[in-house]
Amino acid sequence: LEFSDLDYFGQFRSTQQYRANDHIRAAVPMGDRISVITRSTTEVLYDDLGSLSILEQDFANGSLYGRSFVDVGDGTIFGLWNKGFGYFDGQKHAYIKTPYYLQALYQDQRFFVQSAIKVKDWYFLAVRKDAISNNNNYLFLFHFPTQRWFLIEETVYDLCWWHEGFL
């Protein structure tokens, strides 16, 4: 993970580099911090006078599903960790209950997480099964206030929020 100088765009110094403990799957902004999610760890970094410093390291919670994370506000992110769906506030993970029929769709390594978005009170996650069959994709919908899951089988594999509707 590297970031450029503000004054000299494209110039990378050794103090502006960070080497994670494993392969990086996602880097998610959390207000004034950034969460670097690897296959096996979660590492929270912050800006320390122009260089990246480690604020928190969690060696028990990582994710193979980097495209599943969204910012839910107040410095908290939500997404699919190796142990299941849950929240991360920069210090601790809080997992939620997920129906058994959904777990079979995302824990099988044949399925690929395509993208996730948060719109108002809803979390949308597109999961692709294959590239040859009809209805080869699944859209997971999670309603944050009620903690309820919905599943849509579809041929599309991505979503975009546009003018109060989805494409």
Protein backbone atom coordinates (compact mmCIF):
# COMPACT_ATOMS: atom_id res chain seq x y z
CA LEU A 1 0.00 0.00 0.00
CA GLU A 2 1.54 3.32 -1.06
CA PHE A 3 0.39 6.90 -1.23
CA SER A 4 1.85 9.85 -3.08
CA ASP A 5 3.11 13.23 -1.85
CA LEU A 6 0.51 15.96 -1.75
CA ASP A 7 2.96 18.49 -3.19
CA TYR A 8 4.69 16.23 -5.70
CA PHE A 9 2.06 13.93 -7.12
CA GLY A 10 3.52 10.58 -8.14
CA GLN A 11 6.46 10.72 -5.73
CA PHE A 12 6.45 7.81 -3.28
CA ARG A 13 8.77 7.82 -0.28
CA SER A 14 9.64 4.90 1.99
CA THR A 15 7.66 6.55 4.81
CA GLN A 16 4.59 6.49 2.56
CA GLN A 17 4.60 2.74 2.12
CA TYR A 18 2.98 0.08 4.22
CA ARG A 19 3.48 -3.67 3.94
CA ALA A 20 0.56 -5.69 5.25
CA ASN A 21 1.06 -9.06 6.92
CA ASP A 22 -0.79 -10.92 4.15
CA HIS A 23 -2.26 -10.33 0.68
CA ILE A 24 -4.46 -7.22 0.74
CA ARG A 25 -8.08 -7.84 -0.27
CA ALA A 26 -9.54 -4.40 0.53
CA ALA A 27 -8.64 -0.95 1.81
CA VAL A 28 -11.70 0.77 3.25
CA PRO A 29 -11.78 4.39 4.50
CA MET A 30 -13.13 4.80 8.03
CA GLY A 31 -13.26 8.55 8.53
CA ASP A 32 -9.76 9.66 9.58
CA ARG A 33 -8.44 6.08 9.42
CA ILE A 34 -8.18 3.34 6.83
CA SER A 35 -8.83 -0.34 7.37
CA VAL A 36 -6.57 -2.68 5.41
CA ILE A 37 -8.21 -6.08 5.16
CA THR A 38 -6.04 -9.01 4.16
CA ARG A 39 -6.81 -12.71 3.80
CA SER A 40 -6.04 -13.30 7.48
CA THR A 41 -5.83 -9.93 9.27
CA THR A 42 -7.51 -6.58 9.74
CA GLU A 43 -5.14 -3.65 10.19
CA VAL A 44 -6.20 -0.09 10.96
CA LEU A 45 -3.85 2.68 9.82
CA TYR A 46 -3.84 6.42 10.43
CA ASP A 47 -1.90 9.43 9.18
CA ASP A 48 0.92 10.23 11.58
CA LEU A 49 2.38 13.52 10.35
CA GLY A 50 2.61 12.39 6.74
CA SER A 51 3.38 8.73 7.26
CA LEU A 52 1.18 5.70 7.85
CA SER A 53 1.15 4.25 11.35
CA ILE A 54 -0.59 1.19 12.74
CA LEU A 55 -3.40 1.92 15.14
CA GLU A 56 -4.82 -1.60 15.49
CA GLN A 57 -3.99 -5.11 14.24
CA ASP A 58 -6.38 -8.05 14.46
CA PHE A 59 -4.74 -11.34 13.50
CA ALA A 60 -7.92 -13.40 13.97
CA ASN A 61 -10.23 -11.66 11.49
CA GLY A 62 -9.48 -11.37 7.81
CA SER A 63 -11.44 -11.73 4.61
CA LEU A 64 -11.08 -13.40 1.25
CA TYR A 65 -13.99 -11.30 -0.03
CA GLY A 66 -12.54 -7.84 -0.57
CA ARG A 67 -15.33 -6.44 -2.71
CA SER A 68 -17.94 -7.03 -0.01
CA PHE A 69 -17.12 -4.08 2.25
CA VAL A 70 -19.07 -0.84 2.59
CA ASP A 71 -18.88 2.14 4.91
CA VAL A 72 -21.99 2.29 7.10
CA GLY A 73 -21.09 5.57 8.80
CA ASP A 74 -19.58 6.61 12.13
CA GLY A 75 -16.26 4.97 11.24
CA THR A 76 -17.83 1.51 10.91
CA ILE A 77 -17.66 -0.87 7.97
CA PHE A 78 -19.81 -3.87 7.10
CA GLY A 79 -18.94 -6.83 4.93
CA LEU A 80 -18.15 -10.49 4.55
CA TRP A 81 -15.33 -11.72 6.76
CA ASN A 82 -13.93 -15.23 6.79
CA LYS A 83 -16.19 -15.96 9.78
CA GLY A 84 -19.31 -14.46 8.19
CA PHE A 85 -21.00 -11.10 7.75
CA GLY A 86 -20.34 -8.47 10.36
CA TYR A 87 -19.42 -4.97 11.43
CA PHE A 88 -15.99 -3.59 12.27
CA ASP A 89 -15.61 -0.29 14.14
CA GLY A 90 -11.82 -0.09 14.11
CA GLN A 91 -11.39 -2.05 17.33
CA LYS A 92 -13.76 -4.98 17.43
CA HIS A 93 -15.71 -7.21 15.08
CA ALA A 94 -19.41 -7.90 15.64
CA TYR A 95 -20.86 -10.71 13.56
CA ILE A 96 -24.52 -11.05 12.61
CA LYS A 97 -26.69 -14.10 12.05
CA THR A 98 -26.87 -15.27 8.47
CA PRO A 99 -29.35 -17.88 7.20
CA TYR A 100 -27.80 -21.26 6.39
CA TYR A 101 -28.95 -21.14 2.75
CA LEU A 102 -26.95 -17.95 2.17
CA GLN A 103 -23.80 -19.36 3.73
CA ALA A 104 -23.63 -22.12 1.12
CA LEU A 105 -23.62 -19.48 -1.63
CA TYR A 106 -20.71 -17.38 -0.41
CA GLN A 107 -18.57 -19.91 1.43
CA ASP A 108 -18.20 -22.16 -1.60
CA GLN A 109 -15.01 -21.10 -3.40
CA ARG A 110 -16.73 -21.56 -6.77
CA PHE A 111 -18.80 -18.44 -6.09
CA PHE A 112 -17.22 -15.03 -6.60
CA VAL A 113 -18.11 -11.83 -4.77
CA GLN A 114 -18.49 -9.16 -7.45
CA SER A 115 -19.40 -5.93 -5.67
CA ALA A 116 -21.25 -4.43 -2.74
CA ILE A 117 -23.00 -1.11 -2.25
CA LYS A 118 -24.94 0.53 0.57
CA VAL A 119 -28.00 2.57 -0.29
CA LYS A 120 -29.86 4.19 2.60
CA ASP A 121 -30.72 1.30 4.97
CA TRP A 122 -29.86 -1.48 2.52
CA TYR A 123 -26.73 -3.50 1.81
CA PHE A 124 -26.54 -5.09 -1.65
CA LEU A 125 -23.99 -7.76 -2.51
CA ALA A 126 -23.66 -9.38 -5.92
CA VAL A 127 -22.28 -12.95 -5.98
CA ARG A 128 -21.57 -14.74 -9.24
CA LYS A 129 -21.83 -18.52 -9.49
CA ASP A 130 -20.56 -19.11 -13.02
CA ALA A 131 -20.45 -17.58 -16.46
CA ILE A 132 -22.42 -20.14 -18.45
CA SER A 133 -25.82 -20.87 -16.85
CA ASN A 134 -29.00 -18.79 -16.72
CA ASN A 135 -29.76 -17.15 -13.39
CA ASN A 136 -26.09 -17.50 -12.57
CA ASN A 137 -25.94 -14.65 -10.11
CA TYR A 138 -27.30 -13.94 -6.67
CA LEU A 139 -28.06 -10.57 -5.13
CA PHE A 140 -27.93 -10.57 -1.34
CA LEU A 141 -29.96 -7.79 0.27
CA PHE A 142 -29.58 -6.98 3.95
CA HIS A 143 -31.81 -4.46 5.70
CA PHE A 144 -29.77 -2.85 8.50
CA PRO A 145 -32.65 -1.72 10.80
CA THR A 146 -34.50 -5.06 10.79
CA GLN A 147 -31.42 -7.32 10.38
CA ARG A 148 -33.27 -9.32 7.68
CA TRP A 149 -31.80 -10.98 4.59
CA PHE A 150 -33.30 -11.30 1.11
CA LEU A 151 -31.99 -13.26 -1.88
CA ILE A 152 -32.64 -12.59 -5.56
CA GLU A 153 -31.51 -14.94 -8.34
CA GLU A 154 -30.70 -12.91 -11.41
CA THR A 155 -28.71 -12.86 -14.63
CA VAL A 156 -27.14 -9.48 -13.85
CA TYR A 157 -24.06 -9.34 -11.65
CA ASP A 158 -23.71 -5.75 -10.65
CA LEU A 159 -25.83 -2.94 -9.25
CA CYS A 160 -25.76 0.82 -9.52
CA TRP A 161 -27.89 3.31 -7.59
CA TRP A 162 -29.19 5.99 -9.94
CA HIS A 163 -32.04 8.51 -9.55
CA GLU A 164 -33.73 6.70 -6.63
CA GLY A 165 -33.57 3.34 -8.41
CA PHE A 166 -31.26 0.49 -9.30
CA LEU A 167 -29.67 -0.40 -12.62
